[in-house]
């Protein structure tokens, strides 16, 4: 029993010495772990709340567009871009606002919104669509070199034929029919047989002369 008591006392003394040396650091580490856990939960809850709020505003945007309420649509879109820019709804809102501006012949603001969507979207498909539409707006403004640069960036295979087709449009506008035909030919080759867009590319190739391959 005495040996047991001695061992117990030695362990207690050892613990006291350890605590004296490392206790403050241990408490700090524990506090950090607790704070990190609380911070993670707060971030998750905040992210969920932000997404739900953004979804509601995005619904207002689409409803305003359906009702031809341009003022309401612009207000909802601006709120998403300014207040909920970290959500997936903000770049989508920018695409819708850009389309609205194109309809209203405001290509400058449409370009700004498409550039923002392309730079800020975390979804590859949305990013590709934004860049494709941006190149189209640049083409309409005769910004040919800028459009080609936009189309020259990395994009998914799913949009490859669209990028190549629009590249052909830009090259044709520049007065380069040979290069344009090469781009159209590449687009035709990447378009699925059952894709209705294939016939559009084929018509462009026919207009430039020579069969589609």
C-alpha atoms as a PDB file:
ATOM      1  CA  UNK A   1       0.000   0.000   0.000  1.00  0.00           C
ATOM      2  CA  UNK A   2       2.856   2.367   0.841  1.00  0.00           C
ATOM      3  CA  UNK A   3       4.419   1.700  -2.552  1.00  0.00           C
ATOM      4  CA  UNK A   4       1.067   2.425  -4.197  1.00  0.00           C
ATOM      5  CA  UNK A   5       0.767   5.698  -2.242  1.00  0.00           C
ATOM      6  CA  UNK A   6       4.293   6.649  -3.242  1.00  0.00           C
ATOM      7  CA  UNK A   7       3.654   5.953  -6.908  1.00  0.00           C
ATOM      8  CA  UNK A   8       0.474   7.961  -6.726  1.00  0.00           C
ATOM      9  CA  UNK A   9       2.289  10.892  -5.087  1.00  0.00           C
ATOM     10  CA  UNK A  10       5.030  10.784  -7.720  1.00  0.00           C
ATOM     11  CA  UNK A  11       2.414  10.858 -10.483  1.00  0.00           C
ATOM     12  CA  UNK A  12       0.680  13.772  -8.774  1.00  0.00           C
ATOM     13  CA  UNK A  13       3.937  15.672  -8.377  1.00  0.00           C
ATOM     14  CA  UNK A  14       4.781  14.957 -12.027  1.00  0.00           C
ATOM     15  CA  UNK A  15       1.365  16.208 -13.137  1.00  0.00           C
ATOM     16  CA  UNK A  16       1.750  19.362 -11.054  1.00  0.00           C
ATOM     17  CA  UNK A  17       5.148  20.016 -12.630  1.00  0.00           C
ATOM     18  CA  UNK A  18       3.793  19.415 -16.127  1.00  0.00           C
ATOM     19  CA  UNK A  19       0.829  21.676 -15.505  1.00  0.00           C
ATOM     20  CA  UNK A  20       3.046  24.401 -14.120  1.00  0.00           C
ATOM     21  CA  UNK A  21       5.115  24.271 -17.279  1.00  0.00           C
ATOM     22  CA  UNK A  22       2.497  23.566 -19.925  1.00  0.00           C
ATOM     23  CA  UNK A  23      -0.877  24.326 -18.348  1.00  0.00           C
ATOM     24  CA  UNK A  24      -1.316  27.778 -19.833  1.00  0.00           C
ATOM     25  CA  UNK A  25      -0.401  26.526 -23.297  1.00  0.00           C
ATOM     26  CA  UNK A  26      -2.790  23.584 -22.958  1.00  0.00           C
ATOM     27  CA  UNK A  27      -5.652  25.883 -21.976  1.00  0.00           C
ATOM     28  CA  UNK A  28      -4.856  28.160 -24.891  1.00  0.00           C
ATOM     29  CA  UNK A  29      -4.863  25.201 -27.290  1.00  0.00           C
ATOM     30  CA  UNK A  30      -8.187  24.029 -25.880  1.00  0.00           C
ATOM     31  CA  UNK A  31      -9.650  27.502 -26.277  1.00  0.00           C
ATOM     32  CA  UNK A  32      -8.468  27.613 -29.887  1.00  0.00           C
ATOM     33  CA  UNK A  33     -10.067  24.236 -30.621  1.00  0.00           C
ATOM     34  CA  UNK A  34     -13.351  25.318 -29.052  1.00  0.00           C
ATOM     35  CA  UNK A  35     -13.278  28.647 -30.862  1.00  0.00           C
ATOM     36  CA  UNK A  36     -12.466  26.929 -34.165  1.00  0.00           C
ATOM     37  CA  UNK A  37     -15.390  24.572 -33.723  1.00  0.00           C
ATOM     38  CA  UNK A  38     -17.706  27.452 -32.904  1.00  0.00           C
ATOM     39  CA  UNK A  39     -16.315  29.444 -35.828  1.00  0.00           C
ATOM     40  CA  UNK A  40     -16.877  26.517 -38.197  1.00  0.00           C
ATOM     41  CA  UNK A  41     -20.470  26.129 -37.057  1.00  0.00           C
ATOM     42  CA  UNK A  42     -21.008  29.886 -37.393  1.00  0.00           C
ATOM     43  CA  UNK A  43     -19.543  29.866 -40.894  1.00  0.00           C
ATOM     44  CA  UNK A  44     -21.747  26.931 -41.923  1.00  0.00           C
ATOM     45  CA  UNK A  45     -24.863  28.599 -40.546  1.00  0.00           C
ATOM     46  CA  UNK A  46     -23.954  31.920 -42.127  1.00  0.00           C
ATOM     47  CA  UNK A  47     -23.292  30.269 -45.497  1.00  0.00           C
ATOM     48  CA  UNK A  48     -26.644  28.484 -45.368  1.00  0.00           C
ATOM     49  CA  UNK A  49     -28.435  31.687 -44.361  1.00  0.00           C
ATOM     50  CA  UNK A  50     -26.735  33.640 -47.135  1.00  0.00           C
ATOM     51  CA  UNK A  51     -27.678  31.015 -49.711  1.00  0.00           C
ATOM     52  CA  UNK A  52     -31.317  30.959 -48.622  1.00  0.00           C
ATOM     53  CA  UNK A  53     -31.538  34.751 -48.676  1.00  0.00           C
ATOM     54  CA  UNK A  54     -29.832  34.908 -52.070  1.00  0.00           C
ATOM     55  CA  UNK A  55     -32.209  32.283 -53.461  1.00  0.00           C
ATOM     56  CA  UNK A  56     -35.152  34.429 -52.392  1.00  0.00           C
ATOM     57  CA  UNK A  57     -33.697  37.545 -54.032  1.00  0.00           C
ATOM     58  CA  UNK A  58     -32.895  35.570 -57.188  1.00  0.00           C
ATOM     59  CA  UNK A  59     -36.509  34.423 -57.331  1.00  0.00           C
ATOM     60  CA  UNK A  60     -37.559  38.072 -57.135  1.00  0.00           C
ATOM     61  CA  UNK A  61     -35.204  38.802 -60.015  1.00  0.00           C
ATOM     62  CA  UNK A  62     -36.645  36.104 -62.274  1.00  0.00           C
ATOM     63  CA  UNK A  63     -40.201  37.051 -61.378  1.00  0.00           C
ATOM     64  CA  UNK A  64     -39.479  40.698 -62.156  1.00  0.00           C
ATOM     65  CA  UNK A  65     -38.062  39.734 -65.530  1.00  0.00           C
ATOM     66  CA  UNK A  66     -41.134  37.614 -66.290  1.00  0.00           C
ATOM     67  CA  UNK A  67     -43.354  40.557 -65.403  1.00  0.00           C
ATOM     68  CA  UNK A  68     -41.242  42.946 -67.520  1.00  0.00           C
ATOM     69  CA  UNK A  69     -40.448  44.874 -64.349  1.00  0.00           C
ATOM     70  CA  UNK A  70     -37.049  46.179 -65.406  1.00  0.00           C
ATOM     71  CA  UNK A  71     -36.604  48.382 -62.355  1.00  0.00           C
ATOM     72  CA  UNK A  72     -37.366  45.535 -59.952  1.00  0.00           C
ATOM     73  CA  UNK A  73     -35.082  43.170 -61.854  1.00  0.00           C
ATOM     74  CA  UNK A  74     -32.179  45.617 -61.748  1.00  0.00           C
ATOM     75  CA  UNK A  75     -32.682  46.214 -58.024  1.00  0.00           C
ATOM     76  CA  UNK A  76     -32.730  42.496 -57.235  1.00  0.00           C
ATOM     77  CA  UNK A  77     -29.724  41.842 -59.453  1.00  0.00           C
ATOM     78  CA  UNK A  78     -27.714  44.662 -57.904  1.00  0.00           C
ATOM     79  CA  UNK A  79     -28.502  43.352 -54.419  1.00  0.00           C
ATOM     80  CA  UNK A  80     -27.263  39.874 -55.315  1.00  0.00           C
ATOM     81  CA  UNK A  81     -24.023  41.171 -56.788  1.00  0.00           C
ATOM     82  CA  UNK A  82     -23.330  43.607 -53.936  1.00  0.00           C
ATOM     83  CA  UNK A  83     -24.599  41.694 -50.891  1.00  0.00           C
ATOM     84  CA  UNK A  84     -24.446  38.032 -51.923  1.00  0.00           C
ATOM     85  CA  UNK A  85     -21.478  38.008 -54.267  1.00  0.00           C
ATOM     86  CA  UNK A  86     -20.049  34.847 -52.649  1.00  0.00           C
ATOM     87  CA  UNK A  87     -23.109  32.781 -53.554  1.00  0.00           C
ATOM     88  CA  UNK A  88     -23.750  30.974 -56.828  1.00  0.00           C
ATOM     89  CA  UNK A  89     -26.733  33.235 -57.478  1.00  0.00           C
ATOM     90  CA  UNK A  90     -24.705  36.422 -57.983  1.00  0.00           C
ATOM     91  CA  UNK A  91     -22.927  35.422 -61.238  1.00  0.00           C
ATOM     92  CA  UNK A  92     -26.213  34.045 -62.568  1.00  0.00           C
ATOM     93  CA  UNK A  93     -27.863  37.358 -61.752  1.00  0.00           C
ATOM     94  CA  UNK A  94     -25.081  39.154 -63.630  1.00  0.00           C
ATOM     95  CA  UNK A  95     -25.827  36.994 -66.687  1.00  0.00           C
ATOM     96  CA  UNK A  96     -29.509  37.920 -66.544  1.00  0.00           C
ATOM     97  CA  UNK A  97     -28.781  41.616 -66.094  1.00  0.00           C
ATOM     98  CA  UNK A  98     -26.330  41.504 -68.996  1.00  0.00           C
ATOM     99  CA  UNK A  99     -29.008  39.949 -71.197  1.00  0.00           C
ATOM    100  CA  UNK A 100     -31.418  42.674 -70.113  1.00  0.00           C
ATOM    101  CA  UNK A 101     -28.865  45.331 -71.026  1.00  0.00           C
ATOM    102  CA  UNK A 102     -28.202  43.763 -74.425  1.00  0.00           C
ATOM    103  CA  UNK A 103     -31.925  43.894 -75.167  1.00  0.00           C
ATOM    104  CA  UNK A 104     -31.876  47.562 -74.213  1.00  0.00           C
ATOM    105  CA  UNK A 105     -28.780  48.243 -76.373  1.00  0.00           C
ATOM    106  CA  UNK A 106     -26.618  48.994 -73.322  1.00  0.00           C
ATOM    107  CA  UNK A 107     -23.631  46.920 -74.401  1.00  0.00           C
ATOM    108  CA  UNK A 108     -21.146  48.717 -72.154  1.00  0.00           C
ATOM    109  CA  UNK A 109     -22.910  47.708 -68.940  1.00  0.00           C
ATOM    110  CA  UNK A 110     -23.639  44.266 -70.344  1.00  0.00           C
ATOM    111  CA  UNK A 111     -19.916  43.807 -70.908  1.00  0.00           C
ATOM    112  CA  UNK A 112     -19.111  44.901 -67.352  1.00  0.00           C
ATOM    113  CA  UNK A 113     -21.575  42.407 -65.889  1.00  0.00           C
ATOM    114  CA  UNK A 114     -20.357  39.553 -68.061  1.00  0.00           C
ATOM    115  CA  UNK A 115     -16.753  40.278 -67.139  1.00  0.00           C
ATOM    116  CA  UNK A 116     -17.768  40.174 -63.469  1.00  0.00           C
ATOM    117  CA  UNK A 117     -19.626  36.891 -63.895  1.00  0.00           C
ATOM    118  CA  UNK A 118     -16.711  35.295 -65.736  1.00  0.00           C
ATOM    119  CA  UNK A 119     -14.253  36.419 -63.055  1.00  0.00           C
ATOM    120  CA  UNK A 120     -16.346  35.527 -60.014  1.00  0.00           C
ATOM    121  CA  UNK A 121     -18.319  32.399 -60.830  1.00  0.00           C
ATOM    122  CA  UNK A 122     -17.047  29.167 -59.280  1.00  0.00           C
ATOM    123  CA  UNK A 123     -19.139  27.058 -61.653  1.00  0.00           C
ATOM    124  CA  UNK A 124     -17.275  26.119 -64.861  1.00  0.00           C
ATOM    125  CA  UNK A 125     -20.458  26.063 -66.946  1.00  0.00           C
ATOM    126  CA  UNK A 126     -21.537  29.523 -65.781  1.00  0.00           C
ATOM    127  CA  UNK A 127     -18.019  30.860 -66.282  1.00  0.00           C
ATOM    128  CA  UNK A 128     -17.918  29.462 -69.836  1.00  0.00           C
ATOM    129  CA  UNK A 129     -21.338  30.878 -70.662  1.00  0.00           C
ATOM    130  CA  UNK A 130     -20.337  34.295 -69.316  1.00  0.00           C
ATOM    131  CA  UNK A 131     -17.184  34.334 -71.440  1.00  0.00           C
ATOM    132  CA  UNK A 132     -19.064  33.171 -74.510  1.00  0.00           C
ATOM    133  CA  UNK A 133     -21.628  35.944 -74.142  1.00  0.00           C
ATOM    134  CA  UNK A 134     -18.890  38.434 -73.331  1.00  0.00           C
ATOM    135  CA  UNK A 135     -17.136  37.619 -76.603  1.00  0.00           C
ATOM    136  CA  UNK A 136     -20.435  38.121 -78.392  1.00  0.00           C
ATOM    137  CA  UNK A 137     -20.858  41.555 -76.847  1.00  0.00           C
ATOM    138  CA  UNK A 138     -17.272  42.427 -77.726  1.00  0.00           C
ATOM    139  CA  UNK A 139     -17.942  41.351 -81.310  1.00  0.00           C
ATOM    140  CA  UNK A 140     -21.022  43.569 -81.456  1.00  0.00           C
ATOM    141  CA  UNK A 141     -18.838  46.489 -80.340  1.00  0.00           C
ATOM    142  CA  UNK A 142     -16.199  45.615 -82.960  1.00  0.00           C
ATOM    143  CA  UNK A 143     -13.684  44.758 -80.227  1.00  0.00           C
ATOM    144  CA  UNK A 144     -12.362  41.927 -82.357  1.00  0.00           C
ATOM    145  CA  UNK A 145      -9.005  41.362 -80.691  1.00  0.00           C
ATOM    146  CA  UNK A 146     -10.607  41.420 -77.256  1.00  0.00           C
ATOM    147  CA  UNK A 147     -13.234  38.925 -78.395  1.00  0.00           C
ATOM    148  CA  UNK A 148     -10.594  36.558 -79.741  1.00  0.00           C
ATOM    149  CA  UNK A 149      -8.678  36.822 -76.474  1.00  0.00           C
ATOM    150  CA  UNK A 150     -11.828  36.011 -74.516  1.00  0.00           C
ATOM    151  CA  UNK A 151     -12.523  33.009 -76.730  1.00  0.00           C
ATOM    152  CA  UNK A 152      -8.920  31.852 -76.507  1.00  0.00           C
ATOM    153  CA  UNK A 153      -9.088  31.081 -72.797  1.00  0.00           C
ATOM    154  CA  UNK A 154      -9.477  27.595 -71.335  1.00  0.00           C
ATOM    155  CA  UNK A 155     -13.021  26.270 -71.481  1.00  0.00           C
ATOM    156  CA  UNK A 156     -14.827  22.970 -71.062  1.00  0.00           C
ATOM    157  CA  UNK A 157     -15.241  20.551 -73.967  1.00  0.00           C
ATOM    158  CA  UNK A 158     -19.013  20.921 -73.717  1.00  0.00           C
ATOM    159  CA  UNK A 159     -18.733  24.499 -74.981  1.00  0.00           C
ATOM    160  CA  UNK A 160     -15.871  23.950 -77.432  1.00  0.00           C
ATOM    161  CA  UNK A 161     -18.026  24.040 -80.577  1.00  0.00           C
ATOM    162  CA  UNK A 162     -19.731  27.250 -79.449  1.00  0.00           C
ATOM    163  CA  UNK A 163     -16.408  28.956 -78.792  1.00  0.00           C
ATOM    164  CA  UNK A 164     -15.057  27.869 -82.177  1.00  0.00           C
ATOM    165  CA  UNK A 165     -18.203  28.945 -84.003  1.00  0.00           C
ATOM    166  CA  UNK A 166     -18.098  32.406 -82.442  1.00  0.00           C
ATOM    167  CA  UNK A 167     -14.394  32.599 -83.196  1.00  0.00           C
ATOM    168  CA  UNK A 168     -15.327  32.050 -86.834  1.00  0.00           C
ATOM    169  CA  UNK A 169     -17.807  34.930 -86.618  1.00  0.00           C
ATOM    170  CA  UNK A 170     -15.131  37.245 -85.229  1.00  0.00           C
ATOM    171  CA  UNK A 171     -12.578  36.247 -87.865  1.00  0.00           C
ATOM    172  CA  UNK A 172     -15.148  36.724 -90.616  1.00  0.00           C
ATOM    173  CA  UNK A 173     -15.941  40.202 -89.254  1.00  0.00           C
ATOM    174  CA  UNK A 174     -12.209  40.933 -89.428  1.00  0.00           C
ATOM    175  CA  UNK A 175     -12.209  40.057 -93.114  1.00  0.00           C
ATOM    176  CA  UNK A 176     -10.423  36.717 -92.702  1.00  0.00           C
ATOM    177  CA  UNK A 177     -12.700  34.200 -94.453  1.00  0.00           C
ATOM    178  CA  UNK A 178     -10.054  31.468 -94.713  1.00  0.00           C
ATOM    179  CA  UNK A 179      -9.364  31.547 -90.987  1.00  0.00           C
ATOM    180  CA  UNK A 180     -13.075  31.843 -90.280  1.00  0.00           C
ATOM    181  CA  UNK A 181     -13.800  28.740 -92.317  1.00  0.00           C
ATOM    182  CA  UNK A 182     -11.143  26.799 -90.434  1.00  0.00           C
ATOM    183  CA  UNK A 183     -12.790  27.790 -87.142  1.00  0.00           C
ATOM    184  CA  UNK A 184     -16.238  26.827 -88.437  1.00  0.00           C
ATOM    185  CA  UNK A 185     -14.877  23.520 -89.672  1.00  0.00           C
ATOM    186  CA  UNK A 186     -13.443  22.773 -86.234  1.00  0.00           C
ATOM    187  CA  UNK A 187     -16.751  23.737 -84.639  1.00  0.00           C
ATOM    188  CA  UNK A 188     -18.627  21.449 -87.054  1.00  0.00           C
ATOM    189  CA  UNK A 189     -16.330  18.556 -86.169  1.00  0.00           C
ATOM    190  CA  UNK A 190     -16.962  19.013 -82.439  1.00  0.00           C
ATOM    191  CA  UNK A 191     -20.743  19.304 -82.746  1.00  0.00           C
ATOM    192  CA  UNK A 192     -22.765  16.140 -82.153  1.00  0.00           C
ATOM    193  CA  UNK A 193     -24.785  14.831 -85.102  1.00  0.00           C
ATOM    194  CA  UNK A 194     -28.069  15.250 -83.224  1.00  0.00           C
ATOM    195  CA  UNK A 195     -27.303  18.810 -82.114  1.00  0.00           C
ATOM    196  CA  UNK A 196     -29.518  21.327 -83.925  1.00  0.00           C
ATOM    197  CA  UNK A 197     -26.638  23.832 -83.783  1.00  0.00           C
ATOM    198  CA  UNK A 198     -24.704  21.664 -86.236  1.00  0.00           C
ATOM    199  CA  UNK A 199     -26.926  22.753 -89.128  1.00  0.00           C
ATOM    200  CA  UNK A 200     -26.235  26.423 -88.317  1.00  0.00           C
ATOM    201  CA  UNK A 201     -22.481  25.862 -88.519  1.00  0.00           C
ATOM    202  CA  UNK A 202     -22.976  23.906 -91.741  1.00  0.00           C
ATOM    203  CA  UNK A 203     -24.856  26.824 -93.292  1.00  0.00           C
ATOM    204  CA  UNK A 204     -21.956  29.136 -92.444  1.00  0.00           C
ATOM    205  CA  UNK A 205     -19.530  26.718 -94.079  1.00  0.00           C
ATOM    206  CA  UNK A 206     -21.724  26.488 -97.187  1.00  0.00           C
ATOM    207  CA  UNK A 207     -21.818  30.292 -97.407  1.00  0.00           C
ATOM    208  CA  UNK A 208     -18.019  30.381 -97.455  1.00  0.00           C
ATOM    209  CA  UNK A 209     -17.812  27.667-100.088  1.00  0.00           C
ATOM    210  CA  UNK A 210     -16.696  24.060 -99.907  1.00  0.00           C
ATOM    211  CA  UNK A 211     -18.307  21.098 -98.132  1.00  0.00           C
ATOM    212  CA  UNK A 212     -18.409  20.582 -94.407  1.00  0.00           C
ATOM    213  CA  UNK A 213     -16.214  17.728 -93.232  1.00  0.00           C
END
